[in-house]
Amino acid sequence: MSESPKAQALMHLAQAVTRAENADAQAHIEAALGEIEELPWPEQIECPNCGRRGLVGQIAVHEC
């Protein structure tokens, strides 16, 4: 299953902060990382047929 939007954003920002050359840009990216880390993780549910866990939209369309 694919990663949640929060996990994807954290990954991209973590990569961006290591590549940013400007100190102000690094500070802004680190601030964004801190804000996103405080957001709640998306709700995951369990498939009643096979027990697989995932995001609501993913479980709704997965094949058991």
PDB file of N, CA and C in Angstrom:
ATOM      1  N   MET A   1       0.840  -1.179   0.000  1.00  0.00           N
ATOM      2  CA  MET A   1       0.000   0.000   0.000  1.00  0.00           C
ATOM      3  C   MET A   1       0.884   1.240   0.000  1.00  0.00           C
ATOM      4  N   SER A   2       0.367   2.299  -0.597  1.00  0.00           N
ATOM      5  CA  SER A   2       1.155   3.517  -0.670  1.00  0.00           C
ATOM      6  C   SER A   2       1.137   4.233   0.676  1.00  0.00           C
ATOM      7  N   GLU A   3       2.095   5.123   0.823  1.00  0.00           N
ATOM      8  CA  GLU A   3       2.222   5.858   2.071  1.00  0.00           C
ATOM      9  C   GLU A   3       1.142   6.923   2.174  1.00  0.00           C
ATOM     10  N   SER A   4       0.870   7.356   3.386  1.00  0.00           N
ATOM     11  CA  SER A   4      -0.116   8.408   3.601  1.00  0.00           C
ATOM     12  C   SER A   4       0.445   9.737   3.102  1.00  0.00           C
ATOM     13  N   PRO A   5      -0.435  10.702   2.825  1.00  0.00           N
ATOM     14  CA  PRO A   5       0.045  12.025   2.416  1.00  0.00           C
ATOM     15  C   PRO A   5       0.987  12.648   3.449  1.00  0.00           C
ATOM     16  N   LYS A   6       0.726  12.404   4.741  1.00  0.00           N
ATOM     17  CA  LYS A   6       1.606  12.943   5.783  1.00  0.00           C
ATOM     18  C   LYS A   6       2.990  12.328   5.678  1.00  0.00           C
ATOM     19  N   ALA A   7       3.064  11.019   5.511  1.00  0.00           N
ATOM     20  CA  ALA A   7       4.357  10.345   5.398  1.00  0.00           C
ATOM     21  C   ALA A   7       5.109  10.816   4.160  1.00  0.00           C
ATOM     22  N   GLN A   8       4.392  11.019   3.065  1.00  0.00           N
ATOM     23  CA  GLN A   8       5.031  11.499   1.840  1.00  0.00           C
ATOM     24  C   GLN A   8       5.579  12.907   2.031  1.00  0.00           C
ATOM     25  N   ALA A   9       4.794  13.771   2.672  1.00  0.00           N
ATOM     26  CA  ALA A   9       5.243  15.142   2.909  1.00  0.00           C
ATOM     27  C   ALA A   9       6.470  15.166   3.809  1.00  0.00           C
ATOM     28  N   LEU A  10       6.470  14.361   4.863  1.00  0.00           N
ATOM     29  CA  LEU A  10       7.632  14.300   5.755  1.00  0.00           C
ATOM     30  C   LEU A  10       8.878  13.838   5.007  1.00  0.00           C
ATOM     31  N   MET A  11       8.722  12.842   4.144  1.00  0.00           N
ATOM     32  CA  MET A  11       9.852  12.330   3.374  1.00  0.00           C
ATOM     33  C   MET A  11      10.410  13.416   2.445  1.00  0.00           C
ATOM     34  N   HIS A  12       9.525  14.096   1.725  1.00  0.00           N
ATOM     35  CA  HIS A  12       9.978  15.118   0.780  1.00  0.00           C
ATOM     36  C   HIS A  12      10.636  16.295   1.499  1.00  0.00           C
ATOM     37  N   LEU A  13      10.066  16.714   2.608  1.00  0.00           N
ATOM     38  CA  LEU A  13      10.654  17.831   3.345  1.00  0.00           C
ATOM     39  C   LEU A  13      11.985  17.448   3.976  1.00  0.00           C
ATOM     40  N   ALA A  14      12.104  16.223   4.465  1.00  0.00           N
ATOM     41  CA  ALA A  14      13.378  15.771   5.030  1.00  0.00           C
ATOM     42  C   ALA A  14      14.463  15.772   3.961  1.00  0.00           C
ATOM     43  N   GLN A  15      14.106  15.367   2.748  1.00  0.00           N
ATOM     44  CA  GLN A  15      15.074  15.400   1.649  1.00  0.00           C
ATOM     45  C   GLN A  15      15.400  16.835   1.258  1.00  0.00           C
ATOM     46  N   ALA A  16      14.383  17.691   1.245  1.00  0.00           N
ATOM     47  CA  ALA A  16      14.592  19.082   0.837  1.00  0.00           C
ATOM     48  C   ALA A  16      15.505  19.819   1.802  1.00  0.00           C
ATOM     49  N   VAL A  17      15.354  19.576   3.099  1.00  0.00           N
ATOM     50  CA  VAL A  17      16.174  20.296   4.074  1.00  0.00           C
ATOM     51  C   VAL A  17      17.649  19.930   3.924  1.00  0.00           C
ATOM     52  N   THR A  18      17.939  18.710   3.493  1.00  0.00           N
ATOM     53  CA  THR A  18      19.341  18.321   3.316  1.00  0.00           C
ATOM     54  C   THR A  18      19.935  18.900   2.038  1.00  0.00           C
ATOM     55  N   ARG A  19      19.066  19.284   1.103  1.00  0.00           N
ATOM     56  CA  ARG A  19      19.548  19.803  -0.184  1.00  0.00           C
ATOM     57  C   ARG A  19      19.535  21.327  -0.265  1.00  0.00           C
ATOM     58  N   ALA A  20      18.814  21.964   0.632  1.00  0.00           N
ATOM     59  CA  ALA A  20      18.725  23.421   0.599  1.00  0.00           C
ATOM     60  C   ALA A  20      20.070  24.023   0.987  1.00  0.00           C
ATOM     61  N   GLU A  21      20.531  24.953   0.180  1.00  0.00           N
ATOM     62  CA  GLU A  21      21.832  25.582   0.443  1.00  0.00           C
ATOM     63  C   GLU A  21      21.693  26.873   1.233  1.00  0.00           C
ATOM     64  N   ASN A  22      20.556  27.511   1.136  1.00  0.00           N
ATOM     65  CA  ASN A  22      20.327  28.774   1.814  1.00  0.00           C
ATOM     66  C   ASN A  22      19.845  28.510   3.238  1.00  0.00           C
ATOM     67  N   ALA A  23      20.449  29.171   4.209  1.00  0.00           N
ATOM     68  CA  ALA A  23      20.099  28.951   5.620  1.00  0.00           C
ATOM     69  C   ALA A  23      18.650  29.327   5.909  1.00  0.00           C
ATOM     70  N   ASP A  24      18.165  30.411   5.287  1.00  0.00           N
ATOM     71  CA  ASP A  24      16.766  30.793   5.494  1.00  0.00           C
ATOM     72  C   ASP A  24      15.824  29.732   4.933  1.00  0.00           C
ATOM     73  N   ALA A  25      16.165  29.180   3.777  1.00  0.00           N
ATOM     74  CA  ALA A  25      15.339  28.124   3.180  1.00  0.00           C
ATOM     75  C   ALA A  25      15.326  26.893   4.083  1.00  0.00           C
ATOM     76  N   GLN A  26      16.482  26.521   4.620  1.00  0.00           N
ATOM     77  CA  GLN A  26      16.543  25.375   5.533  1.00  0.00           C
ATOM     78  C   GLN A  26      15.665  25.611   6.756  1.00  0.00           C
ATOM     79  N   ALA A  27      15.698  26.825   7.286  1.00  0.00           N
ATOM     80  CA  ALA A  27      14.895  27.145   8.470  1.00  0.00           C
ATOM     81  C   ALA A  27      13.402  27.029   8.162  1.00  0.00           C
ATOM     82  N   HIS A  28      12.988  27.490   6.990  1.00  0.00           N
ATOM     83  CA  HIS A  28      11.575  27.390   6.608  1.00  0.00           C
ATOM     84  C   HIS A  28      11.155  25.933   6.427  1.00  0.00           C
ATOM     85  N   ILE A  29      12.010  25.142   5.814  1.00  0.00           N
ATOM     86  CA  ILE A  29      11.694  23.726   5.603  1.00  0.00           C
ATOM     87  C   ILE A  29      11.616  22.999   6.942  1.00  0.00           C
ATOM     88  N   GLU A  30      12.550  23.293   7.841  1.00  0.00           N
ATOM     89  CA  GLU A  30      12.520  22.669   9.165  1.00  0.00           C
ATOM     90  C   GLU A  30      11.265  23.066   9.936  1.00  0.00           C
ATOM     91  N   ALA A  31      10.824  24.314   9.772  1.00  0.00           N
ATOM     92  CA  ALA A  31       9.588  24.751  10.424  1.00  0.00           C
ATOM     93  C   ALA A  31       8.390  23.993   9.851  1.00  0.00           C
ATOM     94  N   ALA A  32       8.385  23.792   8.541  1.00  0.00           N
ATOM     95  CA  ALA A  32       7.300  23.029   7.909  1.00  0.00           C
ATOM     96  C   ALA A  32       7.301  21.588   8.408  1.00  0.00           C
ATOM     97  N   LEU A  33       8.482  21.002   8.544  1.00  0.00           N
ATOM     98  CA  LEU A  33       8.588  19.638   9.081  1.00  0.00           C
ATOM     99  C   LEU A  33       7.968  19.566  10.476  1.00  0.00           C
ATOM    100  N   GLY A  34       8.294  20.532  11.300  1.00  0.00           N
ATOM    101  CA  GLY A  34       7.760  20.558  12.659  1.00  0.00           C
ATOM    102  C   GLY A  34       6.246  20.666  12.685  1.00  0.00           C
ATOM    103  N   GLU A  35       5.693  21.491  11.790  1.00  0.00           N
ATOM    104  CA  GLU A  35       4.237  21.644  11.730  1.00  0.00           C
ATOM    105  C   GLU A  35       3.567  20.354  11.276  1.00  0.00           C
ATOM    106  N   ILE A  36       4.124  19.714  10.270  1.00  0.00           N
ATOM    107  CA  ILE A  36       3.524  18.485   9.743  1.00  0.00           C
ATOM    108  C   ILE A  36       3.637  17.353  10.755  1.00  0.00           C
ATOM    109  N   GLU A  37       4.745  17.288  11.481  1.00  0.00           N
ATOM    110  CA  GLU A  37       4.906  16.234  12.486  1.00  0.00           C
ATOM    111  C   GLU A  37       3.831  16.311  13.563  1.00  0.00           C
ATOM    112  N   GLU A  38       3.293  17.510  13.807  1.00  0.00           N
ATOM    113  CA  GLU A  38       2.263  17.681  14.833  1.00  0.00           C
ATOM    114  C   GLU A  38       0.870  17.283  14.343  1.00  0.00           C
ATOM    115  N   LEU A  39       0.688  17.133  13.035  1.00  0.00           N
ATOM    116  CA  LEU A  39      -0.612  16.737  12.499  1.00  0.00           C
ATOM    117  C   LEU A  39      -0.914  15.291  12.863  1.00  0.00           C
ATOM    118  N   PRO A  40      -2.192  14.961  13.040  1.00  0.00           N
ATOM    119  CA  PRO A  40      -2.531  13.564  13.348  1.00  0.00           C
ATOM    120  C   PRO A  40      -2.317  12.673  12.129  1.00  0.00           C
ATOM    121  N   TRP A  41      -2.003  11.415  12.387  1.00  0.00           N
ATOM    122  CA  TRP A  41      -1.875  10.443  11.302  1.00  0.00           C
ATOM    123  C   TRP A  41      -3.264  10.102  10.811  1.00  0.00           C
ATOM    124  N   PRO A  42      -3.409   9.811   9.513  1.00  0.00           N
ATOM    125  CA  PRO A  42      -4.735   9.466   8.997  1.00  0.00           C
ATOM    126  C   PRO A  42      -5.233   8.150   9.594  1.00  0.00           C
ATOM    127  N   GLU A  43      -6.549   8.060   9.716  1.00  0.00           N
ATOM    128  CA  GLU A  43      -7.160   6.859  10.291  1.00  0.00           C
ATOM    129  C   GLU A  43      -6.952   5.654   9.382  1.00  0.00           C
ATOM    130  N   GLN A  44      -6.597   4.544   9.983  1.00  0.00           N
ATOM    131  CA  GLN A  44      -6.486   3.290   9.247  1.00  0.00           C
ATOM    132  C   GLN A  44      -7.583   2.355   9.726  1.00  0.00           C
ATOM    133  N   ILE A  45      -8.064   1.545   8.802  1.00  0.00           N
ATOM    134  CA  ILE A  45      -9.093   0.568   9.144  1.00  0.00           C
ATOM    135  C   ILE A  45      -8.605  -0.822   8.769  1.00  0.00           C
ATOM    136  N   GLU A  46      -9.327  -1.817   9.243  1.00  0.00           N
ATOM    137  CA  GLU A  46      -8.990  -3.208   8.941  1.00  0.00           C
ATOM    138  C   GLU A  46     -10.058  -3.786   8.021  1.00  0.00           C
ATOM    139  N   CYS A  47      -9.624  -4.488   6.987  1.00  0.00           N
ATOM    140  CA  CYS A  47     -10.550  -5.153   6.076  1.00  0.00           C
ATOM    141  C   CYS A  47     -11.270  -6.261   6.847  1.00  0.00           C
ATOM    142  N   PRO A  48     -12.601  -6.285   6.802  1.00  0.00           N
ATOM    143  CA  PRO A  48     -13.327  -7.325   7.532  1.00  0.00           C
ATOM    144  C   PRO A  48     -13.146  -8.719   6.930  1.00  0.00           C
ATOM    145  N   ASN A  49     -12.698  -8.786   5.679  1.00  0.00           N
ATOM    146  CA  ASN A  49     -12.535 -10.085   5.020  1.00  0.00           C
ATOM    147  C   ASN A  49     -11.163 -10.709   5.253  1.00  0.00           C
ATOM    148  N   CYS A  50     -10.102  -9.907   5.097  1.00  0.00           N
ATOM    149  CA  CYS A  50      -8.758 -10.490   5.156  1.00  0.00           C
ATOM    150  C   CYS A  50      -7.904  -9.963   6.307  1.00  0.00           C
ATOM    151  N   GLY A  51      -8.353  -8.889   6.975  1.00  0.00           N
ATOM    152  CA  GLY A  51      -7.604  -8.356   8.102  1.00  0.00           C
ATOM    153  C   GLY A  51      -6.522  -7.357   7.737  1.00  0.00           C
ATOM    154  N   ARG A  52      -6.347  -7.078   6.457  1.00  0.00           N
ATOM    155  CA  ARG A  52      -5.325  -6.113   6.038  1.00  0.00           C
ATOM    156  C   ARG A  52      -5.694  -4.729   6.557  1.00  0.00           C
ATOM    157  N   ARG A  53      -4.681  -3.978   7.013  1.00  0.00           N
ATOM    158  CA  ARG A  53      -4.911  -2.630   7.526  1.00  0.00           C
ATOM    159  C   ARG A  53      -4.403  -1.609   6.527  1.00  0.00           C
ATOM    160  N   GLY A  54      -5.116  -0.480   6.438  1.00  0.00           N
ATOM    161  CA  GLY A  54      -4.697   0.585   5.544  1.00  0.00           C
ATOM    162  C   GLY A  54      -5.646   1.765   5.627  1.00  0.00           C
ATOM    163  N   LEU A  55      -5.370   2.758   4.797  1.00  0.00           N
ATOM    164  CA  LEU A  55      -6.219   3.935   4.742  1.00  0.00           C
ATOM    165  C   LEU A  55      -7.585   3.546   4.199  1.00  0.00           C
ATOM    166  N   VAL A  56      -8.598   4.292   4.588  1.00  0.00           N
ATOM    167  CA  VAL A  56      -9.971   3.969   4.217  1.00  0.00           C
ATOM    168  C   VAL A  56     -10.111   3.786   2.707  1.00  0.00           C
ATOM    169  N   GLY A  57      -9.607   4.733   1.921  1.00  0.00           N
ATOM    170  CA  GLY A  57      -9.727   4.645   0.471  1.00  0.00           C
ATOM    171  C   GLY A  57      -8.978   3.476  -0.126  1.00  0.00           C
ATOM    172  N   GLN A  58      -7.884   3.086   0.499  1.00  0.00           N
ATOM    173  CA  GLN A  58      -7.100   1.964  -0.014  1.00  0.00           C
ATOM    174  C   GLN A  58      -7.785   0.636   0.285  1.00  0.00           C
ATOM    175  N   ILE A  59      -8.304   0.494   1.487  1.00  0.00           N
ATOM    176  CA  ILE A  59      -8.968  -0.757   1.856  1.00  0.00           C
ATOM    177  C   ILE A  59     -10.246  -0.936   1.034  1.00  0.00           C
ATOM    178  N   ALA A  60     -10.909   0.165   0.721  1.00  0.00           N
ATOM    179  CA  ALA A  60     -12.155   0.081  -0.043  1.00  0.00           C
ATOM    180  C   ALA A  60     -11.945  -0.515  -1.427  1.00  0.00           C
ATOM    181  N   VAL A  61     -10.745  -0.367  -1.998  1.00  0.00           N
ATOM    182  CA  VAL A  61     -10.517  -0.825  -3.376  1.00  0.00           C
ATOM    183  C   VAL A  61      -9.498  -1.958  -3.480  1.00  0.00           C
ATOM    184  N   HIS A  62      -8.954  -2.438  -2.367  1.00  0.00           N
ATOM    185  CA  HIS A  62      -7.931  -3.487  -2.463  1.00  0.00           C
ATOM    186  C   HIS A  62      -8.568  -4.839  -2.770  1.00  0.00           C
ATOM    187  N   GLU A  63      -7.749  -5.742  -3.264  1.00  0.00           N
ATOM    188  CA  GLU A  63      -8.214  -7.102  -3.538  1.00  0.00           C
ATOM    189  C   GLU A  63      -7.694  -8.019  -2.438  1.00  0.00           C
ATOM    190  N   CYS A  64      -8.598  -8.711  -1.773  1.00  0.00           N
ATOM    191  CA  CYS A  64      -8.219  -9.625  -0.692  1.00  0.00           C
ATOM    192  C   CYS A  64      -7.450 -10.812  -1.235  1.00  0.00           C
TER     193      CYS A  64
END
